[in-house]
N, C-alpha and C. Protein backbone atom coordinates (compact mmCIF):
# COMPACT_ATOMS: atom_id res chain seq x y z
N UNK A 1 8.82 2.85 26.65
CA UNK A 1 7.58 2.75 27.43
C UNK A 1 7.00 4.14 27.67
N UNK A 2 5.67 4.22 27.66
CA UNK A 2 5.00 5.48 27.89
C UNK A 2 4.22 5.44 29.20
N UNK A 3 4.10 6.61 29.82
CA UNK A 3 3.36 6.72 31.08
C UNK A 3 1.89 6.39 30.84
N UNK A 4 1.33 5.53 31.69
CA UNK A 4 -0.05 5.06 31.51
C UNK A 4 -0.97 5.53 32.64
N UNK A 5 -0.51 6.53 33.43
CA UNK A 5 -1.25 6.91 34.62
C UNK A 5 -2.62 7.51 34.29
N UNK A 6 -2.69 8.34 33.26
CA UNK A 6 -3.98 8.96 32.93
C UNK A 6 -4.99 7.91 32.51
N UNK A 7 -4.57 6.94 31.72
CA UNK A 7 -5.48 5.89 31.30
C UNK A 7 -5.84 4.99 32.48
N UNK A 8 -4.89 4.81 33.40
CA UNK A 8 -5.16 4.02 34.60
C UNK A 8 -6.27 4.68 35.43
N UNK A 9 -6.15 5.99 35.64
CA UNK A 9 -7.17 6.71 36.41
C UNK A 9 -8.52 6.68 35.70
N UNK A 10 -8.51 6.90 34.39
CA UNK A 10 -9.76 6.90 33.63
C UNK A 10 -10.44 5.54 33.73
N UNK A 11 -9.66 4.47 33.59
CA UNK A 11 -10.23 3.12 33.67
C UNK A 11 -10.80 2.85 35.06
N UNK A 12 -10.08 3.27 36.09
CA UNK A 12 -10.53 3.05 37.47
C UNK A 12 -11.84 3.76 37.74
N UNK A 13 -11.92 5.03 37.36
CA UNK A 13 -13.15 5.80 37.58
C UNK A 13 -14.30 5.24 36.76
N UNK A 14 -14.02 4.80 35.54
CA UNK A 14 -15.06 4.25 34.68
C UNK A 14 -15.61 2.95 35.26
N UNK A 15 -14.74 2.13 35.83
CA UNK A 15 -15.18 0.89 36.47
C UNK A 15 -16.08 1.19 37.66
N UNK A 16 -15.70 2.19 38.45
CA UNK A 16 -16.52 2.58 39.60
C UNK A 16 -17.89 3.08 39.15
N UNK A 17 -17.92 3.86 38.07
CA UNK A 17 -19.19 4.36 37.54
C UNK A 17 -20.05 3.21 37.05
N UNK A 18 -19.43 2.29 36.32
CA UNK A 18 -20.16 1.12 35.83
C UNK A 18 -20.73 0.31 36.99
N UNK A 19 -19.95 0.15 38.06
CA UNK A 19 -20.42 -0.62 39.21
C UNK A 19 -21.61 0.07 39.87
N UNK A 20 -21.58 1.40 39.93
CA UNK A 20 -22.70 2.15 40.50
C UNK A 20 -23.96 1.93 39.68
N UNK A 21 -23.83 1.91 38.36
CA UNK A 21 -25.00 1.68 37.51
C UNK A 21 -25.47 0.23 37.61
N UNK A 22 -24.54 -0.69 37.85
CA UNK A 22 -24.92 -2.09 38.06
C UNK A 22 -25.76 -2.21 39.33
N UNK A 23 -25.41 -1.43 40.35
CA UNK A 23 -26.20 -1.40 41.58
C UNK A 23 -27.60 -0.88 41.30
N UNK A 24 -27.70 0.15 40.46
CA UNK A 24 -29.02 0.70 40.09
C UNK A 24 -29.87 -0.36 39.40
N UNK A 25 -29.25 -1.14 38.53
CA UNK A 25 -29.98 -2.21 37.84
C UNK A 25 -30.42 -3.28 38.84
N UNK A 26 -29.56 -3.58 39.82
CA UNK A 26 -29.92 -4.56 40.84
C UNK A 26 -31.10 -4.07 41.67
N UNK A 27 -31.09 -2.77 41.99
CA UNK A 27 -32.21 -2.18 42.74
C UNK A 27 -33.48 -2.26 41.93
N UNK A 28 -33.37 -1.95 40.63
CA UNK A 28 -34.55 -2.04 39.77
C UNK A 28 -35.04 -3.48 39.68
N UNK A 29 -34.10 -4.42 39.67
CA UNK A 29 -34.49 -5.83 39.65
C UNK A 29 -35.22 -6.23 40.91
N UNK A 30 -34.72 -5.75 42.07
CA UNK A 30 -35.38 -6.04 43.33
C UNK A 30 -36.78 -5.43 43.38
N UNK A 31 -36.91 -4.21 42.86
CA UNK A 31 -38.22 -3.56 42.81
C UNK A 31 -39.17 -4.32 41.88
N UNK A 32 -38.61 -4.84 40.78
CA UNK A 32 -39.42 -5.60 39.83
C UNK A 32 -39.94 -6.88 40.47
N UNK A 33 -39.07 -7.57 41.17
CA UNK A 33 -39.47 -8.81 41.84
C UNK A 33 -40.55 -8.52 42.88
N UNK A 34 -40.33 -7.47 43.67
CA UNK A 34 -41.30 -7.13 44.71
C UNK A 34 -42.64 -6.68 44.12
N UNK A 35 -42.57 -5.88 43.06
CA UNK A 35 -43.81 -5.34 42.48
C UNK A 35 -44.67 -6.40 41.82
N UNK A 36 -44.04 -7.50 41.39
CA UNK A 36 -44.79 -8.57 40.71
C UNK A 36 -45.18 -9.69 41.66
N UNK A 37 -45.04 -9.44 42.95
CA UNK A 37 -45.50 -10.42 43.93
C UNK A 37 -44.43 -11.33 44.46
N UNK A 38 -43.17 -11.06 44.12
CA UNK A 38 -42.10 -11.91 44.61
C UNK A 38 -41.91 -11.88 46.10
N UNK A 39 -42.45 -10.85 46.77
CA UNK A 39 -42.35 -10.76 48.22
C UNK A 39 -43.71 -10.94 48.89
N UNK A 40 -44.70 -11.38 48.10
CA UNK A 40 -46.00 -11.71 48.70
C UNK A 40 -47.17 -10.88 48.26
N UNK A 41 -46.94 -9.70 47.65
CA UNK A 41 -48.07 -8.85 47.25
C UNK A 41 -47.74 -8.10 45.97
N UNK A 42 -48.68 -8.09 45.03
CA UNK A 42 -48.49 -7.36 43.77
C UNK A 42 -48.84 -5.90 43.99
N UNK A 43 -48.01 -4.99 43.51
CA UNK A 43 -48.22 -3.56 43.71
C UNK A 43 -49.33 -3.04 42.80
N UNK A 44 -49.72 -1.80 43.05
CA UNK A 44 -50.76 -1.16 42.24
C UNK A 44 -50.26 -0.93 40.82
N UNK A 45 -51.21 -0.68 39.90
CA UNK A 45 -50.85 -0.44 38.50
C UNK A 45 -49.95 0.78 38.35
N UNK A 46 -50.23 1.84 39.12
CA UNK A 46 -49.41 3.05 39.06
C UNK A 46 -47.98 2.76 39.54
N UNK A 47 -47.88 1.97 40.59
CA UNK A 47 -46.56 1.61 41.12
C UNK A 47 -45.79 0.76 40.11
N UNK A 48 -46.51 -0.15 39.45
CA UNK A 48 -45.87 -0.99 38.44
C UNK A 48 -45.32 -0.15 37.29
N UNK A 49 -46.06 0.87 36.88
CA UNK A 49 -45.60 1.75 35.82
C UNK A 49 -44.36 2.53 36.25
N UNK A 50 -44.33 2.94 37.51
CA UNK A 50 -43.15 3.65 38.03
C UNK A 50 -41.93 2.75 38.04
N UNK A 51 -42.10 1.50 38.44
CA UNK A 51 -41.00 0.54 38.45
C UNK A 51 -40.51 0.29 37.02
N UNK A 52 -41.45 0.20 36.08
CA UNK A 52 -41.09 -0.03 34.69
C UNK A 52 -40.25 1.13 34.14
N UNK A 53 -40.64 2.35 34.47
CA UNK A 53 -39.87 3.52 34.01
C UNK A 53 -38.47 3.53 34.63
N UNK A 54 -38.40 3.25 35.93
CA UNK A 54 -37.10 3.22 36.61
C UNK A 54 -36.20 2.14 36.01
N UNK A 55 -36.79 0.98 35.72
CA UNK A 55 -36.03 -0.12 35.14
C UNK A 55 -35.45 0.26 33.78
N UNK A 56 -36.27 0.93 32.96
CA UNK A 56 -35.81 1.35 31.64
C UNK A 56 -34.69 2.37 31.74
N UNK A 57 -34.85 3.33 32.66
CA UNK A 57 -33.81 4.36 32.85
C UNK A 57 -32.52 3.73 33.36
N UNK A 58 -32.63 2.83 34.34
CA UNK A 58 -31.45 2.17 34.91
C UNK A 58 -30.72 1.36 33.84
N UNK A 59 -31.48 0.67 33.00
CA UNK A 59 -30.87 -0.13 31.93
C UNK A 59 -30.14 0.75 30.93
N UNK A 60 -30.73 1.89 30.59
CA UNK A 60 -30.09 2.81 29.64
C UNK A 60 -28.80 3.39 30.19
N UNK A 61 -28.84 3.81 31.45
CA UNK A 61 -27.64 4.37 32.08
C UNK A 61 -26.55 3.30 32.20
N UNK A 62 -26.97 2.09 32.56
CA UNK A 62 -26.02 0.99 32.69
C UNK A 62 -25.31 0.73 31.36
N UNK A 63 -26.08 0.69 30.28
CA UNK A 63 -25.49 0.43 28.96
C UNK A 63 -24.47 1.50 28.59
N UNK A 64 -24.81 2.77 28.85
CA UNK A 64 -23.88 3.87 28.53
C UNK A 64 -22.61 3.75 29.36
N UNK A 65 -22.77 3.45 30.66
CA UNK A 65 -21.61 3.32 31.54
C UNK A 65 -20.76 2.11 31.15
N UNK A 66 -21.41 1.05 30.70
CA UNK A 66 -20.68 -0.15 30.28
C UNK A 66 -19.80 0.14 29.06
N UNK A 67 -20.37 0.87 28.10
CA UNK A 67 -19.60 1.23 26.91
C UNK A 67 -18.42 2.12 27.29
N UNK A 68 -18.66 3.12 28.13
CA UNK A 68 -17.58 4.01 28.58
C UNK A 68 -16.50 3.21 29.29
N UNK A 69 -16.91 2.30 30.16
CA UNK A 69 -15.95 1.47 30.91
C UNK A 69 -15.13 0.60 29.96
N UNK A 70 -15.80 0.00 28.98
CA UNK A 70 -15.11 -0.86 28.02
C UNK A 70 -14.06 -0.08 27.24
N UNK A 71 -14.40 1.14 26.84
CA UNK A 71 -13.46 1.97 26.08
C UNK A 71 -12.26 2.36 26.95
N UNK A 72 -12.53 2.79 28.17
CA UNK A 72 -11.43 3.23 29.05
C UNK A 72 -10.51 2.08 29.43
N UNK A 73 -11.08 0.93 29.74
CA UNK A 73 -10.26 -0.23 30.10
C UNK A 73 -9.48 -0.72 28.88
N UNK A 74 -10.11 -0.70 27.70
CA UNK A 74 -9.42 -1.12 26.48
C UNK A 74 -8.23 -0.21 26.18
N UNK A 75 -8.41 1.10 26.38
CA UNK A 75 -7.30 2.03 26.15
C UNK A 75 -6.15 1.75 27.11
N UNK A 76 -6.48 1.47 28.36
CA UNK A 76 -5.43 1.14 29.33
C UNK A 76 -4.73 -0.17 28.96
N UNK A 77 -5.53 -1.19 28.59
CA UNK A 77 -4.97 -2.47 28.21
C UNK A 77 -4.02 -2.35 27.02
N UNK A 78 -4.43 -1.56 26.05
CA UNK A 78 -3.61 -1.38 24.85
C UNK A 78 -2.26 -0.76 25.21
N UNK A 79 -2.27 0.30 26.01
CA UNK A 79 -1.03 0.96 26.37
C UNK A 79 -0.16 0.07 27.25
N UNK A 80 -0.79 -0.66 28.19
CA UNK A 80 -0.01 -1.55 29.05
C UNK A 80 0.68 -2.63 28.22
N UNK A 81 -0.05 -3.18 27.24
CA UNK A 81 0.54 -4.20 26.37
C UNK A 81 1.65 -3.61 25.51
N UNK A 82 1.42 -2.42 24.97
CA UNK A 82 2.44 -1.77 24.15
C UNK A 82 3.71 -1.51 24.96
N UNK A 83 3.55 -1.12 26.22
CA UNK A 83 4.70 -0.91 27.09
C UNK A 83 5.47 -2.21 27.30
N UNK A 84 4.73 -3.31 27.50
CA UNK A 84 5.39 -4.60 27.70
C UNK A 84 6.13 -5.03 26.43
N UNK A 85 5.54 -4.78 25.27
CA UNK A 85 6.20 -5.10 24.00
C UNK A 85 7.49 -4.29 23.82
N UNK A 86 7.50 -3.09 24.39
CA UNK A 86 8.67 -2.22 24.22
C UNK A 86 9.89 -2.73 24.99
N UNK A 87 9.65 -3.55 26.02
CA UNK A 87 10.77 -4.01 26.85
C UNK A 87 11.04 -5.50 26.73
N UNK A 88 10.13 -6.23 26.08
CA UNK A 88 10.30 -7.69 26.00
C UNK A 88 9.97 -8.20 24.60
N UNK A 89 10.78 -9.12 24.12
CA UNK A 89 10.50 -9.74 22.82
C UNK A 89 9.85 -11.11 23.00
N UNK A 90 9.36 -11.38 24.22
CA UNK A 90 8.74 -12.67 24.53
C UNK A 90 7.22 -12.65 24.37
N UNK A 91 6.67 -11.48 24.04
CA UNK A 91 5.23 -11.35 23.88
C UNK A 91 4.76 -12.02 22.60
N UNK A 92 3.61 -12.69 22.65
CA UNK A 92 3.09 -13.38 21.47
C UNK A 92 1.79 -12.76 20.95
N UNK A 93 1.17 -11.90 21.74
CA UNK A 93 -0.10 -11.28 21.35
C UNK A 93 0.10 -9.77 21.26
N UNK A 94 -0.23 -9.19 20.12
CA UNK A 94 -0.05 -7.75 19.91
C UNK A 94 -1.04 -6.96 20.75
N UNK A 95 -0.75 -5.67 21.00
CA UNK A 95 -1.69 -4.83 21.75
C UNK A 95 -3.08 -4.78 21.12
N UNK A 96 -3.12 -4.72 19.79
CA UNK A 96 -4.40 -4.67 19.10
C UNK A 96 -5.22 -5.94 19.30
N UNK A 97 -4.57 -7.08 19.16
CA UNK A 97 -5.29 -8.34 19.35
C UNK A 97 -5.63 -8.60 20.81
N UNK A 98 -4.86 -8.00 21.70
CA UNK A 98 -5.20 -8.11 23.12
C UNK A 98 -6.59 -7.57 23.41
N UNK A 99 -7.01 -6.59 22.61
CA UNK A 99 -8.36 -6.03 22.70
C UNK A 99 -9.29 -6.78 21.75
N UNK A 100 -8.83 -7.03 20.55
CA UNK A 100 -9.68 -7.63 19.53
C UNK A 100 -10.20 -9.00 19.90
N UNK A 101 -9.43 -9.79 20.65
CA UNK A 101 -9.85 -11.14 20.99
C UNK A 101 -11.11 -11.16 21.86
N UNK A 102 -11.42 -10.05 22.54
CA UNK A 102 -12.64 -9.97 23.33
C UNK A 102 -13.88 -10.13 22.44
N UNK A 103 -13.75 -9.80 21.16
CA UNK A 103 -14.88 -9.80 20.24
C UNK A 103 -14.92 -11.02 19.32
N UNK A 104 -13.99 -11.95 19.49
CA UNK A 104 -13.94 -13.14 18.64
C UNK A 104 -14.53 -14.31 19.40
N UNK A 105 -15.64 -14.89 18.90
CA UNK A 105 -16.26 -16.02 19.61
C UNK A 105 -15.28 -17.17 19.84
N UNK A 106 -15.50 -17.87 20.92
CA UNK A 106 -14.74 -19.04 21.36
C UNK A 106 -13.37 -18.64 21.91
N UNK A 107 -12.51 -18.02 21.07
CA UNK A 107 -11.18 -17.67 21.57
C UNK A 107 -11.25 -16.58 22.64
N UNK A 108 -12.41 -15.86 22.72
CA UNK A 108 -12.54 -14.84 23.77
C UNK A 108 -12.69 -15.47 25.15
N UNK A 109 -12.73 -16.80 25.19
CA UNK A 109 -12.80 -17.49 26.48
C UNK A 109 -11.44 -17.57 27.16
N UNK A 110 -10.34 -17.40 26.40
CA UNK A 110 -9.02 -17.49 27.03
C UNK A 110 -7.98 -16.52 26.48
N UNK A 111 -8.11 -16.10 25.23
CA UNK A 111 -7.07 -15.26 24.63
C UNK A 111 -6.89 -13.89 25.32
N UNK A 112 -7.96 -13.18 25.68
CA UNK A 112 -7.76 -11.90 26.37
C UNK A 112 -7.01 -12.08 27.70
N UNK A 113 -7.32 -13.18 28.40
CA UNK A 113 -6.59 -13.46 29.64
C UNK A 113 -5.13 -13.73 29.35
N UNK A 114 -4.85 -14.49 28.30
CA UNK A 114 -3.46 -14.77 27.92
C UNK A 114 -2.72 -13.47 27.62
N UNK A 115 -3.38 -12.55 26.92
CA UNK A 115 -2.74 -11.28 26.58
C UNK A 115 -2.39 -10.48 27.82
N UNK A 116 -3.32 -10.43 28.77
CA UNK A 116 -3.05 -9.69 30.01
C UNK A 116 -2.00 -10.40 30.84
N UNK A 117 -2.04 -11.72 30.85
CA UNK A 117 -1.03 -12.49 31.59
C UNK A 117 0.37 -12.21 31.05
N UNK A 118 0.51 -12.21 29.73
CA UNK A 118 1.81 -11.92 29.13
C UNK A 118 2.28 -10.51 29.49
N UNK A 119 1.36 -9.56 29.47
CA UNK A 119 1.70 -8.18 29.82
C UNK A 119 2.19 -8.10 31.25
N UNK A 120 1.50 -8.78 32.15
CA UNK A 120 1.88 -8.79 33.56
C UNK A 120 3.28 -9.40 33.73
N UNK A 121 3.49 -10.54 33.13
CA UNK A 121 4.76 -11.25 33.30
C UNK A 121 5.93 -10.47 32.70
N UNK A 122 5.74 -9.93 31.50
CA UNK A 122 6.81 -9.18 30.85
C UNK A 122 7.12 -7.89 31.59
N UNK A 123 6.15 -7.34 32.29
CA UNK A 123 6.36 -6.09 33.03
C UNK A 123 7.18 -6.31 34.29
N UNK A 124 7.20 -7.55 34.77
CA UNK A 124 7.99 -7.87 35.95
C UNK A 124 9.35 -8.46 35.59
N UNK A 125 9.38 -9.23 34.50
CA UNK A 125 10.64 -9.86 34.08
C UNK A 125 10.68 -9.92 32.56
N UNK A 126 11.14 -8.85 31.92
CA UNK A 126 11.15 -8.79 30.45
C UNK A 126 11.95 -9.92 29.80
N UNK A 127 13.03 -10.34 30.43
CA UNK A 127 13.89 -11.36 29.83
C UNK A 127 13.37 -12.77 30.06
N UNK A 128 12.68 -13.01 31.18
CA UNK A 128 12.19 -14.36 31.49
C UNK A 128 10.77 -14.29 32.04
N UNK A 129 9.82 -13.86 31.24
CA UNK A 129 8.45 -13.67 31.73
C UNK A 129 7.77 -14.95 32.19
N UNK A 130 8.13 -16.08 31.58
CA UNK A 130 7.48 -17.33 31.94
C UNK A 130 7.75 -17.75 33.38
N UNK A 131 8.77 -17.18 34.00
CA UNK A 131 9.10 -17.51 35.39
C UNK A 131 8.25 -16.72 36.39
N UNK A 132 7.47 -15.78 35.88
CA UNK A 132 6.65 -14.94 36.77
C UNK A 132 5.28 -15.59 36.98
N UNK A 133 4.89 -15.86 38.22
CA UNK A 133 3.59 -16.48 38.47
C UNK A 133 2.43 -15.52 38.17
N UNK A 134 1.31 -16.07 37.79
CA UNK A 134 0.12 -15.27 37.53
C UNK A 134 -0.59 -15.01 38.86
N UNK A 135 -0.87 -13.75 39.19
CA UNK A 135 -1.50 -13.46 40.48
C UNK A 135 -2.91 -14.03 40.59
N UNK A 136 -3.27 -14.43 41.79
CA UNK A 136 -4.60 -15.00 42.03
C UNK A 136 -5.70 -14.01 41.69
N UNK A 137 -5.44 -12.73 41.97
CA UNK A 137 -6.45 -11.70 41.71
C UNK A 137 -6.82 -11.66 40.23
N UNK A 138 -5.83 -11.86 39.36
CA UNK A 138 -6.10 -11.86 37.92
C UNK A 138 -6.95 -13.05 37.53
N UNK A 139 -6.68 -14.20 38.11
CA UNK A 139 -7.47 -15.39 37.82
C UNK A 139 -8.91 -15.22 38.32
N UNK A 140 -9.05 -14.61 39.50
CA UNK A 140 -10.39 -14.36 40.04
C UNK A 140 -11.15 -13.43 39.11
N UNK A 141 -10.49 -12.35 38.67
CA UNK A 141 -11.15 -11.41 37.77
C UNK A 141 -11.61 -12.11 36.50
N UNK A 142 -10.77 -12.93 35.91
CA UNK A 142 -11.15 -13.56 34.66
C UNK A 142 -12.30 -14.55 34.85
N UNK A 143 -12.27 -15.30 35.93
CA UNK A 143 -13.36 -16.23 36.20
C UNK A 143 -14.68 -15.50 36.40
N UNK A 144 -14.63 -14.39 37.12
CA UNK A 144 -15.84 -13.59 37.33
C UNK A 144 -16.30 -12.93 36.04
N UNK A 145 -15.34 -12.51 35.20
CA UNK A 145 -15.71 -11.92 33.91
C UNK A 145 -16.47 -12.92 33.04
N UNK A 146 -16.00 -14.16 32.99
CA UNK A 146 -16.69 -15.19 32.21
C UNK A 146 -18.08 -15.46 32.79
N UNK A 147 -18.17 -15.52 34.11
CA UNK A 147 -19.46 -15.76 34.76
C UNK A 147 -20.42 -14.61 34.48
N UNK A 148 -19.92 -13.37 34.59
CA UNK A 148 -20.75 -12.19 34.33
C UNK A 148 -21.24 -12.17 32.88
N UNK A 149 -20.38 -12.61 31.96
CA UNK A 149 -20.76 -12.65 30.55
C UNK A 149 -21.90 -13.65 30.32
N UNK A 150 -21.82 -14.80 30.97
CA UNK A 150 -22.87 -15.81 30.85
C UNK A 150 -24.18 -15.29 31.43
N UNK A 151 -24.10 -14.69 32.62
CA UNK A 151 -25.31 -14.15 33.26
C UNK A 151 -25.93 -13.04 32.41
N UNK A 152 -25.09 -12.18 31.85
CA UNK A 152 -25.58 -11.10 31.01
C UNK A 152 -26.29 -11.62 29.78
N UNK A 153 -25.72 -12.65 29.18
CA UNK A 153 -26.32 -13.25 27.98
C UNK A 153 -27.68 -13.88 28.31
N UNK A 154 -27.75 -14.59 29.43
CA UNK A 154 -29.01 -15.22 29.85
C UNK A 154 -30.06 -14.15 30.14
N UNK A 155 -29.63 -13.10 30.87
CA UNK A 155 -30.56 -12.04 31.23
C UNK A 155 -31.11 -11.33 30.00
N UNK A 156 -30.23 -11.06 29.02
CA UNK A 156 -30.67 -10.39 27.80
C UNK A 156 -31.68 -11.24 27.03
N UNK A 157 -31.39 -12.52 26.88
CA UNK A 157 -32.28 -13.41 26.14
C UNK A 157 -33.62 -13.55 26.86
N UNK A 158 -33.54 -13.62 28.19
CA UNK A 158 -34.77 -13.78 28.97
C UNK A 158 -35.65 -12.54 28.88
N UNK A 159 -35.04 -11.37 29.02
CA UNK A 159 -35.82 -10.13 28.97
C UNK A 159 -36.38 -9.87 27.57
N UNK A 160 -35.61 -10.25 26.54
CA UNK A 160 -36.06 -10.04 25.17
C UNK A 160 -37.23 -10.95 24.81
N UNK A 161 -37.24 -12.15 25.40
CA UNK A 161 -38.30 -13.10 25.07
C UNK A 161 -39.29 -13.33 26.19
N UNK A 162 -39.30 -12.44 27.19
CA UNK A 162 -40.19 -12.62 28.34
C UNK A 162 -41.66 -12.60 27.90
N UNK A 163 -42.41 -13.63 28.32
CA UNK A 163 -43.82 -13.72 27.96
C UNK A 163 -44.72 -13.85 29.18
N UNK A 164 -44.14 -14.19 30.31
CA UNK A 164 -44.93 -14.39 31.52
C UNK A 164 -44.37 -13.57 32.67
N UNK A 165 -45.15 -13.45 33.73
CA UNK A 165 -44.70 -12.76 34.94
C UNK A 165 -43.50 -13.49 35.53
N UNK A 166 -43.52 -14.81 35.44
CA UNK A 166 -42.40 -15.60 35.96
C UNK A 166 -41.10 -15.27 35.23
N UNK A 167 -41.18 -15.07 33.91
CA UNK A 167 -39.98 -14.71 33.12
C UNK A 167 -39.42 -13.37 33.59
N UNK A 168 -40.32 -12.40 33.77
CA UNK A 168 -39.88 -11.06 34.20
C UNK A 168 -39.29 -11.11 35.61
N UNK A 169 -39.92 -11.89 36.47
CA UNK A 169 -39.42 -12.02 37.85
C UNK A 169 -38.05 -12.67 37.87
N UNK A 170 -37.88 -13.71 37.05
CA UNK A 170 -36.57 -14.36 36.97
C UNK A 170 -35.51 -13.39 36.47
N UNK A 171 -35.87 -12.54 35.51
CA UNK A 171 -34.94 -11.52 35.03
C UNK A 171 -34.54 -10.56 36.13
N UNK A 172 -35.49 -10.21 37.00
CA UNK A 172 -35.18 -9.34 38.13
C UNK A 172 -34.19 -9.98 39.09
N UNK A 173 -34.40 -11.27 39.35
CA UNK A 173 -33.46 -11.98 40.23
C UNK A 173 -32.07 -12.06 39.60
N UNK A 174 -32.02 -12.25 38.28
CA UNK A 174 -30.73 -12.29 37.60
C UNK A 174 -29.99 -10.97 37.71
N UNK A 175 -30.74 -9.86 37.67
CA UNK A 175 -30.10 -8.54 37.83
C UNK A 175 -29.45 -8.41 39.20
N UNK A 176 -30.11 -8.96 40.21
CA UNK A 176 -29.56 -8.92 41.56
C UNK A 176 -28.31 -9.78 41.66
N UNK A 177 -28.40 -11.00 41.12
CA UNK A 177 -27.24 -11.91 41.15
C UNK A 177 -26.08 -11.33 40.36
N UNK A 178 -26.37 -10.65 39.26
CA UNK A 178 -25.31 -10.06 38.44
C UNK A 178 -24.52 -9.02 39.22
N UNK A 179 -25.20 -8.23 40.03
CA UNK A 179 -24.46 -7.24 40.84
C UNK A 179 -23.57 -7.92 41.86
N UNK A 180 -24.05 -9.03 42.42
CA UNK A 180 -23.23 -9.78 43.39
C UNK A 180 -21.94 -10.25 42.74
N UNK A 181 -22.01 -10.57 41.44
CA UNK A 181 -20.81 -10.97 40.69
C UNK A 181 -20.01 -9.74 40.28
N UNK A 182 -20.69 -8.68 39.85
CA UNK A 182 -20.01 -7.47 39.37
C UNK A 182 -19.15 -6.81 40.44
N UNK A 183 -19.58 -6.87 41.69
CA UNK A 183 -18.84 -6.18 42.76
C UNK A 183 -17.42 -6.72 42.92
N UNK A 184 -17.23 -8.02 43.18
CA UNK A 184 -15.84 -8.52 43.26
C UNK A 184 -15.11 -8.45 41.94
N UNK A 185 -15.85 -8.54 40.81
CA UNK A 185 -15.23 -8.42 39.50
C UNK A 185 -14.57 -7.05 39.35
N UNK A 186 -15.33 -6.01 39.71
CA UNK A 186 -14.82 -4.64 39.59
C UNK A 186 -13.63 -4.41 40.52
N UNK A 187 -13.74 -4.89 41.74
CA UNK A 187 -12.66 -4.70 42.72
C UNK A 187 -11.39 -5.40 42.25
N UNK A 188 -11.52 -6.65 41.80
CA UNK A 188 -10.32 -7.39 41.37
C UNK A 188 -9.70 -6.76 40.12
N UNK A 189 -10.52 -6.24 39.21
CA UNK A 189 -9.96 -5.60 38.02
C UNK A 189 -9.22 -4.32 38.38
N UNK A 190 -9.77 -3.54 39.29
CA UNK A 190 -9.09 -2.31 39.72
C UNK A 190 -7.75 -2.65 40.37
N UNK A 191 -7.74 -3.71 41.18
CA UNK A 191 -6.48 -4.13 41.83
C UNK A 191 -5.45 -4.51 40.78
N UNK A 192 -5.87 -5.27 39.76
CA UNK A 192 -4.95 -5.69 38.70
C UNK A 192 -4.43 -4.48 37.93
N UNK A 193 -5.32 -3.55 37.60
CA UNK A 193 -4.92 -2.36 36.85
C UNK A 193 -3.90 -1.55 37.63
N UNK A 194 -4.17 -1.30 38.89
CA UNK A 194 -3.27 -0.48 39.70
C UNK A 194 -1.93 -1.17 39.93
N UNK A 195 -1.96 -2.48 40.18
CA UNK A 195 -0.71 -3.18 40.44
C UNK A 195 0.14 -3.30 39.18
N UNK A 196 -0.49 -3.59 38.05
CA UNK A 196 0.26 -3.71 36.80
C UNK A 196 0.84 -2.35 36.40
N UNK A 197 0.08 -1.30 36.59
CA UNK A 197 0.58 0.04 36.28
C UNK A 197 1.76 0.38 37.18
N UNK A 198 1.65 0.01 38.46
CA UNK A 198 2.76 0.25 39.40
C UNK A 198 3.99 -0.55 38.99
N UNK A 199 3.79 -1.78 38.54
CA UNK A 199 4.91 -2.61 38.09
C UNK A 199 5.63 -1.96 36.91
N UNK A 200 4.86 -1.42 35.98
CA UNK A 200 5.47 -0.80 34.81
C UNK A 200 6.18 0.50 35.17
N UNK A 201 5.63 1.26 36.11
CA UNK A 201 6.32 2.49 36.55
C UNK A 201 7.64 2.13 37.23
N UNK A 202 7.63 1.07 38.02
CA UNK A 202 8.85 0.63 38.69
C UNK A 202 9.88 0.17 37.66
N UNK A 203 9.42 -0.48 36.61
CA UNK A 203 10.33 -0.94 35.55
C UNK A 203 10.95 0.24 34.83
N UNK A 204 10.14 1.28 34.58
CA UNK A 204 10.67 2.50 33.95
C UNK A 204 11.74 3.12 34.81
N UNK A 205 11.47 3.24 36.13
CA UNK A 205 12.42 3.85 37.06
C UNK A 205 13.72 3.05 37.10
N UNK A 206 13.59 1.73 37.10
CA UNK A 206 14.77 0.87 37.16
C UNK A 206 15.65 1.07 35.93
N UNK A 207 15.04 1.19 34.77
CA UNK A 207 15.80 1.35 33.54
C UNK A 207 16.42 2.74 33.44
N UNK A 208 15.77 3.72 34.04
CA UNK A 208 16.32 5.08 34.03
C UNK A 208 17.63 5.13 34.81
N UNK A 209 17.65 4.42 35.95
CA UNK A 209 18.81 4.51 36.83
C UNK A 209 19.84 3.41 36.61
N UNK A 210 19.62 2.58 35.60
CA UNK A 210 20.64 1.57 35.31
C UNK A 210 21.87 2.19 34.68
């Protein structure tokens, strides 16, 4: 097993950065809704142009932070899975596929969760991982991840095909709702990352002193 602390810290900070950019997108969404009359009055043309620029900048920063977060979390996931494989022969999903399944349609609805679940269980009980219960926090994270993915897909399609003020306003509301989902998603993922990393460090210590 290899120390995963640096990747753990990188993933944690990247998630926090991504969450901050998600807040910026939510703010831009709220401004969009307000500027288009969602709160009772349409703003001036100059104000609308300012909101449009802010929205574009927020979206660009969010996309960059999302990619960085995905890379950092994937690196942590890979190492955590590799560590679990090093101590248990009960694993059925390789470290590579633990990441790759995120990009495979249909199976990405459950296989990435299965990979992380196996890593968690093997890190606590290498010989009998199936006896280890799956933490509620992990289930919450996965449910929120699926929900966030659906919302993101709807928001992208809506913004790409927006033809009316109502379409744009709905997209702004979706940005706000997405942040409401992203906040507990980020918190639960950080909790899982830190606890799983702690479990693996404890396993290393136990094996050193056996």
